[in-house]
């Protein structure tokens, strides 16, 4: 079992920055691939960025150059640094953990609103 708690969301103006955090507990964090997803009102949940257990990272094209995913295995935490935010980045952001043979786990989500 893995418990995930996101934090760091809020209201920010276009062009601003936020850093989301996802704290994990309950299992061996470093063995899990971690991801950030988002869901805007009326839309399906979509992948934003991932990091493997080995530390490789990837972001979807819509956020490349603006968002960075990272992990700190010593703190059992994965981060999403979001810069140059746009109104279309407004969504609930969810943290995800997965490992073969162990299932997929989700946090409760944190709201990010980009508006002037």
C-alpha atoms as a PDB file:
ATOM      1  CA  UNK A   1       0.000   0.000   0.000  1.00  0.00           C
ATOM      2  CA  UNK A   2       1.123   3.528  -0.802  1.00  0.00           C
ATOM      3  CA  UNK A   3      -0.424   6.702   0.550  1.00  0.00           C
ATOM      4  CA  UNK A   4       0.079   9.886  -1.454  1.00  0.00           C
ATOM      5  CA  UNK A   5      -0.575  13.450  -0.300  1.00  0.00           C
ATOM      6  CA  UNK A   6      -0.259  16.347  -2.729  1.00  0.00           C
ATOM      7  CA  UNK A   7       0.315  19.955  -1.728  1.00  0.00           C
ATOM      8  CA  UNK A   8       1.388  23.257  -3.236  1.00  0.00           C
ATOM      9  CA  UNK A   9      -1.579  24.123  -5.413  1.00  0.00           C
ATOM     10  CA  UNK A  10      -3.232  27.512  -5.450  1.00  0.00           C
ATOM     11  CA  UNK A  11      -4.141  30.580  -7.466  1.00  0.00           C
ATOM     12  CA  UNK A  12      -1.437  32.126  -9.622  1.00  0.00           C
ATOM     13  CA  UNK A  13      -1.381  34.729 -12.369  1.00  0.00           C
ATOM     14  CA  UNK A  14      -0.471  33.805 -15.948  1.00  0.00           C
ATOM     15  CA  UNK A  15       3.291  33.625 -16.287  1.00  0.00           C
ATOM     16  CA  UNK A  16       3.718  32.698 -12.642  1.00  0.00           C
ATOM     17  CA  UNK A  17       5.168  29.610 -11.002  1.00  0.00           C
ATOM     18  CA  UNK A  18       4.127  26.942  -8.530  1.00  0.00           C
ATOM     19  CA  UNK A  19       5.823  23.882  -7.129  1.00  0.00           C
ATOM     20  CA  UNK A  20       3.677  20.892  -6.318  1.00  0.00           C
ATOM     21  CA  UNK A  21       4.818  18.248  -3.863  1.00  0.00           C
ATOM     22  CA  UNK A  22       3.633  14.697  -3.378  1.00  0.00           C
ATOM     23  CA  UNK A  23       4.662  12.966  -0.181  1.00  0.00           C
ATOM     24  CA  UNK A  24       4.520   9.176  -0.188  1.00  0.00           C
ATOM     25  CA  UNK A  25       4.347   6.748   2.692  1.00  0.00           C
ATOM     26  CA  UNK A  26       3.663   3.106   3.320  1.00  0.00           C
ATOM     27  CA  UNK A  27       6.108   1.400   1.016  1.00  0.00           C
ATOM     28  CA  UNK A  28       9.554   1.629  -0.519  1.00  0.00           C
ATOM     29  CA  UNK A  29       9.264   4.877  -2.440  1.00  0.00           C
ATOM     30  CA  UNK A  30      12.411   4.486  -4.523  1.00  0.00           C
ATOM     31  CA  UNK A  31      11.025   1.369  -6.192  1.00  0.00           C
ATOM     32  CA  UNK A  32       8.006   3.179  -7.610  1.00  0.00           C
ATOM     33  CA  UNK A  33       7.600   5.041 -10.852  1.00  0.00           C
ATOM     34  CA  UNK A  34       5.874   8.333 -10.109  1.00  0.00           C
ATOM     35  CA  UNK A  35       3.739  10.586 -12.230  1.00  0.00           C
ATOM     36  CA  UNK A  36       1.741  13.768 -12.262  1.00  0.00           C
ATOM     37  CA  UNK A  37      -1.641  13.904 -13.990  1.00  0.00           C
ATOM     38  CA  UNK A  38      -4.216  16.657 -14.274  1.00  0.00           C
ATOM     39  CA  UNK A  39      -7.911  16.928 -14.879  1.00  0.00           C
ATOM     40  CA  UNK A  40      -9.575  20.113 -16.044  1.00  0.00           C
ATOM     41  CA  UNK A  41     -13.330  20.655 -15.641  1.00  0.00           C
ATOM     42  CA  UNK A  42     -15.262  18.642 -18.196  1.00  0.00           C
ATOM     43  CA  UNK A  43     -12.148  16.878 -19.474  1.00  0.00           C
ATOM     44  CA  UNK A  44     -10.519  13.522 -18.960  1.00  0.00           C
ATOM     45  CA  UNK A  45      -7.543  13.088 -16.683  1.00  0.00           C
ATOM     46  CA  UNK A  46      -4.327  13.434 -18.655  1.00  0.00           C
ATOM     47  CA  UNK A  47      -0.683  12.636 -18.084  1.00  0.00           C
ATOM     48  CA  UNK A  48       1.636  15.568 -17.405  1.00  0.00           C
ATOM     49  CA  UNK A  49       5.001  14.123 -16.408  1.00  0.00           C
ATOM     50  CA  UNK A  50       6.631  10.932 -15.182  1.00  0.00           C
ATOM     51  CA  UNK A  51       9.778   9.790 -13.441  1.00  0.00           C
ATOM     52  CA  UNK A  52      10.957   6.201 -13.299  1.00  0.00           C
ATOM     53  CA  UNK A  53      12.386   4.432 -10.278  1.00  0.00           C
ATOM     54  CA  UNK A  54      15.789   5.004 -11.873  1.00  0.00           C
ATOM     55  CA  UNK A  55      15.223   8.751 -12.108  1.00  0.00           C
ATOM     56  CA  UNK A  56      14.546   9.164 -15.827  1.00  0.00           C
ATOM     57  CA  UNK A  57      11.991  11.870 -16.504  1.00  0.00           C
ATOM     58  CA  UNK A  58       9.585  12.829 -19.245  1.00  0.00           C
ATOM     59  CA  UNK A  59       7.016  15.554 -19.805  1.00  0.00           C
ATOM     60  CA  UNK A  60       4.243  15.765 -22.344  1.00  0.00           C
ATOM     61  CA  UNK A  61       4.736  18.197 -25.207  1.00  0.00           C
ATOM     62  CA  UNK A  62       2.251  20.758 -23.908  1.00  0.00           C
ATOM     63  CA  UNK A  63       4.366  21.418 -20.802  1.00  0.00           C
ATOM     64  CA  UNK A  64       7.894  20.719 -22.058  1.00  0.00           C
ATOM     65  CA  UNK A  65      10.228  23.588 -21.302  1.00  0.00           C
ATOM     66  CA  UNK A  66       7.858  24.897 -18.629  1.00  0.00           C
ATOM     67  CA  UNK A  67       7.344  22.010 -16.173  1.00  0.00           C
ATOM     68  CA  UNK A  68       9.967  19.835 -14.494  1.00  0.00           C
ATOM     69  CA  UNK A  69       9.376  16.657 -12.540  1.00  0.00           C
ATOM     70  CA  UNK A  70      11.880  15.516  -9.947  1.00  0.00           C
ATOM     71  CA  UNK A  71      12.073  13.141  -7.010  1.00  0.00           C
ATOM     72  CA  UNK A  72      13.879  13.035  -3.688  1.00  0.00           C
ATOM     73  CA  UNK A  73      14.035   9.435  -2.530  1.00  0.00           C
ATOM     74  CA  UNK A  74      15.457  10.453   0.834  1.00  0.00           C
ATOM     75  CA  UNK A  75      12.307  12.489   1.486  1.00  0.00           C
ATOM     76  CA  UNK A  76       9.880  10.091  -0.247  1.00  0.00           C
ATOM     77  CA  UNK A  77       8.661  13.028  -2.289  1.00  0.00           C
ATOM     78  CA  UNK A  78       8.101  13.833  -5.946  1.00  0.00           C
ATOM     79  CA  UNK A  79       7.856  17.403  -7.180  1.00  0.00           C
ATOM     80  CA  UNK A  80       6.404  19.217 -10.155  1.00  0.00           C
ATOM     81  CA  UNK A  81       7.950  22.620 -10.778  1.00  0.00           C
ATOM     82  CA  UNK A  82       5.624  24.621 -12.995  1.00  0.00           C
ATOM     83  CA  UNK A  83       6.842  27.818 -14.633  1.00  0.00           C
ATOM     84  CA  UNK A  84       5.316  30.165 -17.201  1.00  0.00           C
ATOM     85  CA  UNK A  85       1.867  28.982 -16.224  1.00  0.00           C
ATOM     86  CA  UNK A  86      -1.021  29.500 -18.621  1.00  0.00           C
ATOM     87  CA  UNK A  87      -4.782  29.592 -18.007  1.00  0.00           C
ATOM     88  CA  UNK A  88      -5.052  26.258 -19.815  1.00  0.00           C
ATOM     89  CA  UNK A  89      -2.911  24.688 -17.075  1.00  0.00           C
ATOM     90  CA  UNK A  90      -5.834  25.168 -14.681  1.00  0.00           C
ATOM     91  CA  UNK A  91      -6.815  21.757 -13.348  1.00  0.00           C
ATOM     92  CA  UNK A  92      -6.748  19.450 -10.374  1.00  0.00           C
ATOM     93  CA  UNK A  93      -3.288  17.878 -10.308  1.00  0.00           C
ATOM     94  CA  UNK A  94      -2.924  14.304  -9.094  1.00  0.00           C
ATOM     95  CA  UNK A  95       0.095  12.323  -8.017  1.00  0.00           C
ATOM     96  CA  UNK A  96       0.386   8.692  -9.115  1.00  0.00           C
ATOM     97  CA  UNK A  97       2.607   5.820  -7.994  1.00  0.00           C
ATOM     98  CA  UNK A  98       2.959   2.503  -9.746  1.00  0.00           C
ATOM     99  CA  UNK A  99       5.103  -0.617  -9.615  1.00  0.00           C
ATOM    100  CA  UNK A 100       4.759  -3.892 -11.443  1.00  0.00           C
ATOM    101  CA  UNK A 101       3.040  -6.365  -9.193  1.00  0.00           C
ATOM    102  CA  UNK A 102       2.025  -3.708  -6.690  1.00  0.00           C
ATOM    103  CA  UNK A 103      -0.777  -1.774  -8.351  1.00  0.00           C
ATOM    104  CA  UNK A 104      -1.438   1.881  -9.008  1.00  0.00           C
ATOM    105  CA  UNK A 105      -2.052   4.490  -6.324  1.00  0.00           C
ATOM    106  CA  UNK A 106      -3.465   8.017  -6.475  1.00  0.00           C
ATOM    107  CA  UNK A 107      -3.422  11.031  -4.231  1.00  0.00           C
ATOM    108  CA  UNK A 108      -6.457  13.186  -3.505  1.00  0.00           C
ATOM    109  CA  UNK A 109      -5.409  15.982  -5.845  1.00  0.00           C
ATOM    110  CA  UNK A 110      -4.505  19.641  -5.488  1.00  0.00           C
ATOM    111  CA  UNK A 111      -6.180  22.497  -7.338  1.00  0.00           C
ATOM    112  CA  UNK A 112      -4.130  24.768  -9.576  1.00  0.00           C
ATOM    113  CA  UNK A 113      -5.866  27.849 -10.939  1.00  0.00           C
ATOM    114  CA  UNK A 114      -4.125  30.172 -13.367  1.00  0.00           C
ATOM    115  CA  UNK A 115      -6.029  33.421 -13.713  1.00  0.00           C
ATOM    116  CA  UNK A 116      -5.552  37.161 -13.647  1.00  0.00           C
END
